[in-house]
N, C-alpha and C. Protein backbone atom coordinates (compact mmCIF):
# COMPACT_ATOMS: atom_id res chain seq x y z
N UNK A 1 -12.25 21.26 -24.04
CA UNK A 1 -12.42 19.83 -24.01
C UNK A 1 -11.19 19.20 -23.38
N UNK A 2 -11.38 18.31 -22.45
CA UNK A 2 -10.28 17.65 -21.76
C UNK A 2 -9.61 16.66 -22.69
N UNK A 3 -8.29 16.63 -22.61
CA UNK A 3 -7.57 15.64 -23.41
C UNK A 3 -7.47 14.36 -22.62
N UNK A 4 -7.56 13.27 -23.31
CA UNK A 4 -7.48 11.95 -22.67
C UNK A 4 -6.08 11.42 -22.82
N UNK A 5 -5.62 10.77 -21.78
CA UNK A 5 -4.31 10.16 -21.85
C UNK A 5 -4.45 8.72 -22.30
N UNK A 6 -3.41 8.23 -22.88
CA UNK A 6 -3.40 6.83 -23.29
C UNK A 6 -3.33 5.96 -22.04
N UNK A 7 -3.87 4.74 -22.10
CA UNK A 7 -3.81 3.87 -20.92
C UNK A 7 -2.38 3.72 -20.42
N UNK A 8 -2.21 3.95 -19.14
CA UNK A 8 -0.90 3.81 -18.52
C UNK A 8 -0.05 5.06 -18.58
N UNK A 9 -0.42 6.03 -19.42
CA UNK A 9 0.36 7.25 -19.53
C UNK A 9 0.08 8.15 -18.33
N UNK A 10 1.13 8.63 -17.70
CA UNK A 10 0.96 9.49 -16.56
C UNK A 10 0.68 8.74 -15.28
N UNK A 11 0.79 7.48 -15.30
CA UNK A 11 0.56 6.67 -14.09
C UNK A 11 1.86 6.03 -13.66
N UNK A 12 1.94 5.73 -12.39
CA UNK A 12 3.13 5.08 -11.87
C UNK A 12 2.73 4.04 -10.85
N UNK A 13 3.34 2.90 -10.92
CA UNK A 13 3.09 1.86 -9.94
C UNK A 13 3.76 2.22 -8.62
N UNK A 14 3.13 1.84 -7.52
CA UNK A 14 3.70 2.06 -6.20
C UNK A 14 3.61 0.76 -5.42
N UNK A 15 4.45 0.65 -4.42
CA UNK A 15 4.42 -0.52 -3.54
C UNK A 15 3.98 -0.04 -2.17
N UNK A 16 3.00 -0.71 -1.61
CA UNK A 16 2.49 -0.38 -0.29
C UNK A 16 2.73 -1.54 0.65
N UNK A 17 3.00 -1.23 1.89
CA UNK A 17 3.08 -2.26 2.92
C UNK A 17 1.85 -2.11 3.80
N UNK A 18 0.97 -3.08 3.73
CA UNK A 18 -0.28 -3.03 4.49
C UNK A 18 -0.37 -4.23 5.41
N UNK A 19 -1.02 -4.02 6.53
CA UNK A 19 -1.33 -5.12 7.43
C UNK A 19 -2.19 -6.13 6.67
N UNK A 20 -1.95 -7.39 6.86
CA UNK A 20 -2.68 -8.43 6.12
C UNK A 20 -4.19 -8.34 6.36
N UNK A 21 -4.58 -8.10 7.60
CA UNK A 21 -6.01 -7.99 7.91
C UNK A 21 -6.63 -6.78 7.22
N UNK A 22 -5.93 -5.67 7.23
CA UNK A 22 -6.42 -4.47 6.55
C UNK A 22 -6.57 -4.72 5.06
N UNK A 23 -5.59 -5.35 4.46
CA UNK A 23 -5.64 -5.66 3.03
C UNK A 23 -6.82 -6.58 2.72
N UNK A 24 -7.03 -7.59 3.53
CA UNK A 24 -8.15 -8.51 3.31
C UNK A 24 -9.48 -7.75 3.40
N UNK A 25 -9.62 -6.91 4.42
CA UNK A 25 -10.86 -6.14 4.58
C UNK A 25 -11.06 -5.18 3.41
N UNK A 26 -9.98 -4.56 2.95
CA UNK A 26 -10.07 -3.63 1.83
C UNK A 26 -10.49 -4.35 0.55
N UNK A 27 -9.96 -5.54 0.34
CA UNK A 27 -10.35 -6.33 -0.85
C UNK A 27 -11.83 -6.68 -0.82
N UNK A 28 -12.31 -7.10 0.35
CA UNK A 28 -13.73 -7.43 0.49
C UNK A 28 -14.58 -6.20 0.26
N UNK A 29 -14.18 -5.08 0.86
CA UNK A 29 -14.93 -3.82 0.70
C UNK A 29 -14.98 -3.42 -0.78
N UNK A 30 -13.83 -3.46 -1.46
CA UNK A 30 -13.77 -3.09 -2.87
C UNK A 30 -14.67 -4.00 -3.70
N UNK A 31 -14.59 -5.30 -3.47
CA UNK A 31 -15.41 -6.25 -4.23
C UNK A 31 -16.90 -6.01 -3.97
N UNK A 32 -17.24 -5.74 -2.72
CA UNK A 32 -18.63 -5.48 -2.36
C UNK A 32 -19.18 -4.25 -3.07
N UNK A 33 -18.30 -3.29 -3.34
CA UNK A 33 -18.71 -2.05 -4.01
C UNK A 33 -18.40 -2.06 -5.50
N UNK A 34 -18.02 -3.22 -6.03
CA UNK A 34 -17.77 -3.35 -7.46
C UNK A 34 -16.54 -2.59 -7.94
N UNK A 35 -15.54 -2.48 -7.08
CA UNK A 35 -14.33 -1.74 -7.41
C UNK A 35 -13.11 -2.65 -7.34
N UNK A 36 -12.10 -2.29 -8.09
CA UNK A 36 -10.82 -2.95 -7.90
C UNK A 36 -10.17 -2.29 -6.68
N UNK A 37 -9.19 -2.95 -6.12
CA UNK A 37 -8.49 -2.37 -4.98
C UNK A 37 -7.80 -1.07 -5.39
N UNK A 38 -7.25 -1.05 -6.59
CA UNK A 38 -6.61 0.17 -7.09
C UNK A 38 -7.62 1.30 -7.19
N UNK A 39 -8.79 1.02 -7.78
CA UNK A 39 -9.82 2.06 -7.93
C UNK A 39 -10.27 2.56 -6.56
N UNK A 40 -10.43 1.66 -5.59
CA UNK A 40 -10.81 2.05 -4.24
C UNK A 40 -9.77 3.00 -3.64
N UNK A 41 -8.51 2.66 -3.77
CA UNK A 41 -7.46 3.51 -3.22
C UNK A 41 -7.39 4.85 -3.93
N UNK A 42 -7.52 4.85 -5.25
CA UNK A 42 -7.50 6.10 -6.01
C UNK A 42 -8.66 7.00 -5.60
N UNK A 43 -9.86 6.44 -5.54
CA UNK A 43 -11.03 7.25 -5.17
C UNK A 43 -10.91 7.78 -3.75
N UNK A 44 -10.39 6.97 -2.84
CA UNK A 44 -10.23 7.39 -1.46
C UNK A 44 -9.22 8.53 -1.36
N UNK A 45 -8.09 8.39 -2.04
CA UNK A 45 -7.08 9.44 -2.03
C UNK A 45 -7.62 10.73 -2.66
N UNK A 46 -8.29 10.59 -3.80
CA UNK A 46 -8.85 11.78 -4.46
C UNK A 46 -9.84 12.50 -3.56
N UNK A 47 -10.71 11.75 -2.88
CA UNK A 47 -11.70 12.35 -2.00
C UNK A 47 -11.03 13.08 -0.84
N UNK A 48 -10.05 12.46 -0.22
CA UNK A 48 -9.35 13.10 0.91
C UNK A 48 -8.63 14.36 0.46
N UNK A 49 -7.99 14.31 -0.69
CA UNK A 49 -7.28 15.48 -1.19
C UNK A 49 -8.26 16.59 -1.57
N UNK A 50 -9.40 16.22 -2.15
CA UNK A 50 -10.43 17.20 -2.50
C UNK A 50 -10.99 17.87 -1.25
N UNK A 51 -11.28 17.06 -0.21
CA UNK A 51 -11.79 17.62 1.04
C UNK A 51 -10.78 18.58 1.66
N UNK A 52 -9.51 18.19 1.64
CA UNK A 52 -8.48 19.04 2.21
C UNK A 52 -8.38 20.36 1.44
N UNK A 53 -8.43 20.29 0.11
CA UNK A 53 -8.37 21.51 -0.71
C UNK A 53 -9.58 22.39 -0.45
N UNK A 54 -10.77 21.78 -0.34
CA UNK A 54 -11.98 22.55 -0.05
C UNK A 54 -11.90 23.21 1.32
N UNK A 55 -11.37 22.50 2.30
CA UNK A 55 -11.22 23.05 3.64
C UNK A 55 -10.27 24.25 3.61
N UNK A 56 -9.15 24.10 2.93
CA UNK A 56 -8.17 25.19 2.86
C UNK A 56 -8.76 26.41 2.15
N UNK A 57 -9.51 26.19 1.09
CA UNK A 57 -10.15 27.31 0.38
C UNK A 57 -11.16 28.01 1.28
N UNK A 58 -11.95 27.25 2.02
CA UNK A 58 -12.93 27.83 2.94
C UNK A 58 -12.23 28.59 4.06
N UNK A 59 -11.12 28.05 4.55
CA UNK A 59 -10.37 28.72 5.60
C UNK A 59 -9.82 30.06 5.11
N UNK A 60 -9.27 30.07 3.89
CA UNK A 60 -8.75 31.33 3.33
C UNK A 60 -9.86 32.36 3.15
N UNK A 61 -11.04 31.92 2.69
CA UNK A 61 -12.17 32.85 2.54
C UNK A 61 -12.60 33.41 3.88
N UNK A 62 -12.65 32.53 4.91
CA UNK A 62 -13.08 32.98 6.24
C UNK A 62 -12.08 33.98 6.82
N UNK A 63 -10.80 33.71 6.67
CA UNK A 63 -9.79 34.63 7.19
C UNK A 63 -9.89 35.97 6.46
N UNK A 64 -10.10 35.94 5.15
CA UNK A 64 -10.24 37.19 4.38
C UNK A 64 -11.46 37.98 4.86
N UNK A 65 -12.58 37.28 5.13
CA UNK A 65 -13.77 37.98 5.63
C UNK A 65 -13.51 38.59 7.00
N UNK A 66 -12.79 37.86 7.85
CA UNK A 66 -12.48 38.40 9.18
C UNK A 66 -11.60 39.64 9.06
N UNK A 67 -10.65 39.63 8.16
CA UNK A 67 -9.77 40.79 7.97
C UNK A 67 -10.53 41.99 7.43
N UNK A 68 -11.51 41.73 6.54
CA UNK A 68 -12.33 42.81 5.97
C UNK A 68 -13.28 43.38 7.02
N UNK A 69 -13.73 42.54 7.91
CA UNK A 69 -14.72 42.97 8.89
C UNK A 69 -16.12 42.88 8.32
N UNK A 70 -17.09 43.25 9.14
CA UNK A 70 -18.49 43.18 8.72
C UNK A 70 -19.03 44.60 8.62
N UNK A 71 -19.61 44.91 7.48
CA UNK A 71 -20.22 46.22 7.28
C UNK A 71 -21.69 46.13 7.67
N UNK A 72 -22.05 46.79 8.75
CA UNK A 72 -23.44 46.78 9.21
C UNK A 72 -24.25 47.89 8.58
N UNK A 73 -23.64 48.66 7.69
CA UNK A 73 -24.37 49.66 6.94
C UNK A 73 -24.46 51.02 7.61
N UNK A 74 -24.05 51.14 8.83
CA UNK A 74 -24.12 52.41 9.53
C UNK A 74 -22.81 53.17 9.45
N UNK A 75 -22.83 54.38 10.02
CA UNK A 75 -21.58 55.15 10.01
C UNK A 75 -20.55 54.50 10.95
N UNK A 76 -19.31 54.69 10.63
CA UNK A 76 -18.24 54.17 11.47
C UNK A 76 -18.14 55.03 12.71
N UNK A 77 -18.22 54.44 13.90
CA UNK A 77 -18.15 55.26 15.12
C UNK A 77 -16.77 55.90 15.25
N UNK A 78 -16.78 57.14 15.68
CA UNK A 78 -15.53 57.86 15.88
C UNK A 78 -15.39 58.28 17.34
N UNK A 79 -15.84 57.44 18.22
CA UNK A 79 -15.78 57.74 19.65
C UNK A 79 -14.37 57.43 20.14
N UNK A 80 -13.74 58.39 20.81
CA UNK A 80 -12.41 58.11 21.34
C UNK A 80 -12.46 56.97 22.36
N UNK A 81 -11.43 56.19 22.39
CA UNK A 81 -11.35 55.04 23.28
C UNK A 81 -11.59 55.43 24.73
N UNK A 82 -11.04 56.57 25.15
CA UNK A 82 -11.17 57.00 26.54
C UNK A 82 -12.64 57.23 26.92
N UNK A 83 -13.45 57.66 25.93
CA UNK A 83 -14.88 57.91 26.21
C UNK A 83 -15.68 56.61 26.33
N UNK A 84 -15.14 55.53 25.86
CA UNK A 84 -15.87 54.27 25.91
C UNK A 84 -15.81 53.63 27.30
N UNK A 85 -14.77 53.94 28.05
CA UNK A 85 -14.58 53.29 29.33
C UNK A 85 -14.44 54.33 30.43
N UNK A 86 -15.14 54.12 31.51
CA UNK A 86 -14.96 54.98 32.68
C UNK A 86 -13.83 54.38 33.51
N UNK A 87 -12.78 55.14 33.69
CA UNK A 87 -11.65 54.64 34.47
C UNK A 87 -11.33 55.60 35.57
């Protein structure tokens, strides 16, 4: 069971410098979606970080599969390299 933190515990205020037009648009967007500006920023950051973590995990799995190679179920060919190419 997850433990709940008390309101404000584990949180820290930050100061952002935003373009006035961007801030105005963000406020309208948040209000339109029933969110506070803080909640909008938190959800956006969480989503971006989650996507990045998912991408990195997928990349690690893909690299591991490439290193393992693909087993096609047949015997491993033991043909000498010289026999593969006519030179």
